[in-house]
């Protein structure tokens, strides 16, 4: 009986390291954790890329609208403008009848004014269409010269 007790104590006291089953369990837990972590990182990087592309497009739209708001559709009814990240093409069509402007003294003004619908498209520099939008702009044309006593 003494020899059996000695053997049991010897085996449990001398056992060191991991068993194969413990190693497989640890690797399985590590693998599951890694898959979840890499999946989360992949989604986060994808969202970051989408946000950066949306921000770039928003800034380009703002730049295009600001440029077009300074254009007179009567003088430039169509055109092309090159920017750093894209180029813009536009065409305009009158959507209202031409009207006379009014001076502060209730007389005829110097200009005729027409409302235009400006269709624009933005393209990457390689020619791929990026985005399109339309904006309504007032076009004006000077038809009278100011007199010396009435500057408007």
C-alpha atoms as a PDB file:
ATOM      1  CA  UNK A   1       0.000   0.000   0.000  1.00  0.00           C
ATOM      2  CA  UNK A   2       2.845   2.319   0.707  1.00  0.00           C
ATOM      3  CA  UNK A   3       4.150   1.924  -2.811  1.00  0.00           C
ATOM      4  CA  UNK A   4       0.815   3.074  -4.396  1.00  0.00           C
ATOM      5  CA  UNK A   5       0.702   6.192  -2.249  1.00  0.00           C
ATOM      6  CA  UNK A   6       4.259   6.982  -3.173  1.00  0.00           C
ATOM      7  CA  UNK A   7       3.463   6.648  -6.876  1.00  0.00           C
ATOM      8  CA  UNK A   8       0.446   9.000  -6.704  1.00  0.00           C
ATOM      9  CA  UNK A   9       2.436  11.624  -4.849  1.00  0.00           C
ATOM     10  CA  UNK A  10       5.301  11.292  -7.280  1.00  0.00           C
ATOM     11  CA  UNK A  11       3.089  11.780 -10.372  1.00  0.00           C
ATOM     12  CA  UNK A  12       1.194  14.781  -9.045  1.00  0.00           C
ATOM     13  CA  UNK A  13       4.236  16.434  -7.520  1.00  0.00           C
ATOM     14  CA  UNK A  14       6.415  15.927 -10.591  1.00  0.00           C
ATOM     15  CA  UNK A  15       3.855  16.993 -13.230  1.00  0.00           C
ATOM     16  CA  UNK A  16       4.892  20.207 -14.968  1.00  0.00           C
ATOM     17  CA  UNK A  17       3.723  22.159 -18.091  1.00  0.00           C
ATOM     18  CA  UNK A  18       0.465  21.863 -19.980  1.00  0.00           C
ATOM     19  CA  UNK A  19      -1.326  18.826 -21.203  1.00  0.00           C
ATOM     20  CA  UNK A  20      -2.238  18.627 -24.874  1.00  0.00           C
ATOM     21  CA  UNK A  21      -5.888  19.254 -24.071  1.00  0.00           C
ATOM     22  CA  UNK A  22      -5.066  22.441 -22.141  1.00  0.00           C
ATOM     23  CA  UNK A  23      -2.894  23.640 -25.018  1.00  0.00           C
ATOM     24  CA  UNK A  24      -5.688  23.077 -27.563  1.00  0.00           C
ATOM     25  CA  UNK A  25      -8.192  24.900 -25.333  1.00  0.00           C
ATOM     26  CA  UNK A  26      -5.848  27.879 -24.902  1.00  0.00           C
ATOM     27  CA  UNK A  27      -5.194  28.082 -28.664  1.00  0.00           C
ATOM     28  CA  UNK A  28      -8.928  27.898 -29.400  1.00  0.00           C
ATOM     29  CA  UNK A  29      -9.663  30.781 -27.018  1.00  0.00           C
ATOM     30  CA  UNK A  30      -6.778  32.795 -28.476  1.00  0.00           C
ATOM     31  CA  UNK A  31      -7.995  32.131 -32.040  1.00  0.00           C
ATOM     32  CA  UNK A  32     -11.563  33.192 -31.263  1.00  0.00           C
ATOM     33  CA  UNK A  33     -10.310  36.364 -29.587  1.00  0.00           C
ATOM     34  CA  UNK A  34      -8.034  37.141 -32.549  1.00  0.00           C
ATOM     35  CA  UNK A  35     -10.830  36.622 -35.071  1.00  0.00           C
ATOM     36  CA  UNK A  36     -13.116  38.983 -33.146  1.00  0.00           C
ATOM     37  CA  UNK A  37     -10.356  41.581 -32.777  1.00  0.00           C
ATOM     38  CA  UNK A  38      -9.322  41.510 -36.456  1.00  0.00           C
ATOM     39  CA  UNK A  39     -12.948  41.610 -37.579  1.00  0.00           C
ATOM     40  CA  UNK A  40     -13.559  44.684 -35.419  1.00  0.00           C
ATOM     41  CA  UNK A  41     -10.370  46.338 -36.712  1.00  0.00           C
ATOM     42  CA  UNK A  42     -11.379  45.612 -40.313  1.00  0.00           C
ATOM     43  CA  UNK A  43     -14.816  47.166 -39.812  1.00  0.00           C
ATOM     44  CA  UNK A  44     -13.308  50.199 -38.099  1.00  0.00           C
ATOM     45  CA  UNK A  45     -10.800  50.746 -40.904  1.00  0.00           C
ATOM     46  CA  UNK A  46     -13.563  50.362 -43.499  1.00  0.00           C
ATOM     47  CA  UNK A  47     -15.693  52.955 -41.727  1.00  0.00           C
ATOM     48  CA  UNK A  48     -12.725  55.300 -41.456  1.00  0.00           C
ATOM     49  CA  UNK A  49     -12.074  54.993 -45.183  1.00  0.00           C
ATOM     50  CA  UNK A  50     -15.752  55.657 -45.990  1.00  0.00           C
ATOM     51  CA  UNK A  51     -15.764  58.716 -43.697  1.00  0.00           C
ATOM     52  CA  UNK A  52     -12.613  60.082 -45.349  1.00  0.00           C
ATOM     53  CA  UNK A  53     -14.140  59.630 -48.821  1.00  0.00           C
ATOM     54  CA  UNK A  54     -17.364  61.333 -47.699  1.00  0.00           C
ATOM     55  CA  UNK A  55     -15.398  64.216 -46.214  1.00  0.00           C
ATOM     56  CA  UNK A  56     -13.391  64.612 -49.422  1.00  0.00           C
ATOM     57  CA  UNK A  57     -16.575  64.616 -51.507  1.00  0.00           C
ATOM     58  CA  UNK A  58     -18.269  67.110 -49.165  1.00  0.00           C
ATOM     59  CA  UNK A  59     -15.320  69.480 -49.375  1.00  0.00           C
ATOM     60  CA  UNK A  60     -15.297  69.158 -53.179  1.00  0.00           C
ATOM     61  CA  UNK A  61     -19.049  69.904 -53.309  1.00  0.00           C
ATOM     62  CA  UNK A  62     -18.562  73.001 -51.169  1.00  0.00           C
ATOM     63  CA  UNK A  63     -15.712  74.159 -53.397  1.00  0.00           C
ATOM     64  CA  UNK A  64     -17.805  73.580 -56.543  1.00  0.00           C
ATOM     65  CA  UNK A  65     -20.864  75.407 -55.163  1.00  0.00           C
ATOM     66  CA  UNK A  66     -18.729  78.348 -54.043  1.00  0.00           C
ATOM     67  CA  UNK A  67     -17.141  78.548 -57.473  1.00  0.00           C
ATOM     68  CA  UNK A  68     -20.484  78.385 -59.290  1.00  0.00           C
ATOM     69  CA  UNK A  69     -22.074  80.985 -57.000  1.00  0.00           C
ATOM     70  CA  UNK A  70     -19.500  83.485 -58.300  1.00  0.00           C
ATOM     71  CA  UNK A  71     -20.339  82.726 -61.938  1.00  0.00           C
ATOM     72  CA  UNK A  72     -22.842  84.646 -64.056  1.00  0.00           C
ATOM     73  CA  UNK A  73     -24.823  82.146 -66.161  1.00  0.00           C
ATOM     74  CA  UNK A  74     -25.479  84.832 -68.773  1.00  0.00           C
ATOM     75  CA  UNK A  75     -21.758  85.400 -69.321  1.00  0.00           C
ATOM     76  CA  UNK A  76     -20.701  81.732 -68.941  1.00  0.00           C
ATOM     77  CA  UNK A  77     -23.680  79.447 -69.648  1.00  0.00           C
ATOM     78  CA  UNK A  78     -21.381  76.411 -69.845  1.00  0.00           C
ATOM     79  CA  UNK A  79     -17.818  75.693 -68.916  1.00  0.00           C
ATOM     80  CA  UNK A  80     -15.144  73.609 -67.272  1.00  0.00           C
ATOM     81  CA  UNK A  81     -13.016  74.409 -64.232  1.00  0.00           C
ATOM     82  CA  UNK A  82     -10.065  72.342 -63.005  1.00  0.00           C
ATOM     83  CA  UNK A  83      -9.471  72.018 -59.256  1.00  0.00           C
ATOM     84  CA  UNK A  84      -6.771  70.134 -57.324  1.00  0.00           C
ATOM     85  CA  UNK A  85      -8.731  66.907 -56.801  1.00  0.00           C
ATOM     86  CA  UNK A  86     -11.302  67.075 -59.612  1.00  0.00           C
ATOM     87  CA  UNK A  87     -12.658  69.090 -62.484  1.00  0.00           C
ATOM     88  CA  UNK A  88     -16.125  70.532 -62.845  1.00  0.00           C
ATOM     89  CA  UNK A  89     -18.279  70.855 -65.957  1.00  0.00           C
ATOM     90  CA  UNK A  90     -21.529  72.812 -66.005  1.00  0.00           C
ATOM     91  CA  UNK A  91     -24.329  73.864 -68.316  1.00  0.00           C
ATOM     92  CA  UNK A  92     -27.120  76.278 -67.556  1.00  0.00           C
ATOM     93  CA  UNK A  93     -30.626  76.830 -68.884  1.00  0.00           C
ATOM     94  CA  UNK A  94     -33.008  79.703 -68.193  1.00  0.00           C
ATOM     95  CA  UNK A  95     -35.995  78.695 -66.053  1.00  0.00           C
ATOM     96  CA  UNK A  96     -37.703  82.075 -65.800  1.00  0.00           C
ATOM     97  CA  UNK A  97     -38.442  84.963 -68.061  1.00  0.00           C
ATOM     98  CA  UNK A  98     -36.031  87.863 -68.206  1.00  0.00           C
ATOM     99  CA  UNK A  99     -37.017  90.740 -65.946  1.00  0.00           C
ATOM    100  CA  UNK A 100     -35.854  94.291 -65.584  1.00  0.00           C
ATOM    101  CA  UNK A 101     -34.120  95.296 -62.376  1.00  0.00           C
ATOM    102  CA  UNK A 102     -35.463  98.232 -60.392  1.00  0.00           C
ATOM    103  CA  UNK A 103     -33.434 101.166 -59.149  1.00  0.00           C
ATOM    104  CA  UNK A 104     -33.858 102.636 -55.646  1.00  0.00           C
ATOM    105  CA  UNK A 105     -35.823 105.533 -57.160  1.00  0.00           C
ATOM    106  CA  UNK A 106     -38.445 103.069 -58.589  1.00  0.00           C
ATOM    107  CA  UNK A 107     -37.175 103.449 -62.127  1.00  0.00           C
ATOM    108  CA  UNK A 108     -35.602 100.889 -64.411  1.00  0.00           C
ATOM    109  CA  UNK A 109     -32.299  99.534 -63.222  1.00  0.00           C
ATOM    110  CA  UNK A 110     -29.194  98.911 -65.224  1.00  0.00           C
ATOM    111  CA  UNK A 111     -29.624  95.131 -65.501  1.00  0.00           C
ATOM    112  CA  UNK A 112     -31.887  92.438 -66.841  1.00  0.00           C
ATOM    113  CA  UNK A 113     -32.120  89.413 -64.570  1.00  0.00           C
ATOM    114  CA  UNK A 114     -32.994  85.785 -65.378  1.00  0.00           C
ATOM    115  CA  UNK A 115     -33.093  82.707 -63.128  1.00  0.00           C
ATOM    116  CA  UNK A 116     -31.032  79.760 -64.393  1.00  0.00           C
ATOM    117  CA  UNK A 117     -30.840  76.097 -63.465  1.00  0.00           C
ATOM    118  CA  UNK A 118     -27.167  75.111 -63.541  1.00  0.00           C
ATOM    119  CA  UNK A 119     -26.469  71.379 -63.966  1.00  0.00           C
ATOM    120  CA  UNK A 120     -22.967  70.408 -62.940  1.00  0.00           C
ATOM    121  CA  UNK A 121     -20.901  67.238 -62.849  1.00  0.00           C
ATOM    122  CA  UNK A 122     -17.622  66.639 -61.081  1.00  0.00           C
ATOM    123  CA  UNK A 123     -15.081  64.217 -62.516  1.00  0.00           C
ATOM    124  CA  UNK A 124     -11.899  62.653 -61.223  1.00  0.00           C
ATOM    125  CA  UNK A 125      -8.843  63.700 -63.223  1.00  0.00           C
ATOM    126  CA  UNK A 126      -8.897  60.315 -64.992  1.00  0.00           C
ATOM    127  CA  UNK A 127     -12.381  61.103 -66.364  1.00  0.00           C
ATOM    128  CA  UNK A 128     -14.547  59.004 -64.023  1.00  0.00           C
ATOM    129  CA  UNK A 129     -17.697  60.819 -62.914  1.00  0.00           C
ATOM    130  CA  UNK A 130     -17.619  61.544 -59.183  1.00  0.00           C
ATOM    131  CA  UNK A 131     -20.824  63.390 -58.311  1.00  0.00           C
ATOM    132  CA  UNK A 132     -23.444  65.645 -59.873  1.00  0.00           C
ATOM    133  CA  UNK A 133     -25.725  68.371 -58.561  1.00  0.00           C
ATOM    134  CA  UNK A 134     -27.821  71.283 -59.737  1.00  0.00           C
ATOM    135  CA  UNK A 135     -28.139  74.789 -58.370  1.00  0.00           C
ATOM    136  CA  UNK A 136     -30.310  77.754 -59.241  1.00  0.00           C
ATOM    137  CA  UNK A 137     -28.442  80.982 -59.978  1.00  0.00           C
ATOM    138  CA  UNK A 138     -29.466  84.460 -61.030  1.00  0.00           C
ATOM    139  CA  UNK A 139     -27.930  85.622 -64.284  1.00  0.00           C
ATOM    140  CA  UNK A 140     -27.632  89.302 -65.072  1.00  0.00           C
ATOM    141  CA  UNK A 141     -26.804  91.427 -68.066  1.00  0.00           C
ATOM    142  CA  UNK A 142     -26.149  95.161 -68.056  1.00  0.00           C
ATOM    143  CA  UNK A 143     -28.457  96.799 -70.629  1.00  0.00           C
ATOM    144  CA  UNK A 144     -28.240 100.458 -69.585  1.00  0.00           C
ATOM    145  CA  UNK A 145     -25.429 102.825 -68.671  1.00  0.00           C
ATOM    146  CA  UNK A 146     -25.600 104.836 -65.471  1.00  0.00           C
ATOM    147  CA  UNK A 147     -26.313 108.513 -65.767  1.00  0.00           C
ATOM    148  CA  UNK A 148     -24.247 111.073 -63.889  1.00  0.00           C
ATOM    149  CA  UNK A 149     -27.102 112.096 -61.569  1.00  0.00           C
ATOM    150  CA  UNK A 150     -28.383 108.519 -60.919  1.00  0.00           C
ATOM    151  CA  UNK A 151     -25.602 106.011 -60.293  1.00  0.00           C
ATOM    152  CA  UNK A 152     -28.001 103.061 -59.986  1.00  0.00           C
END
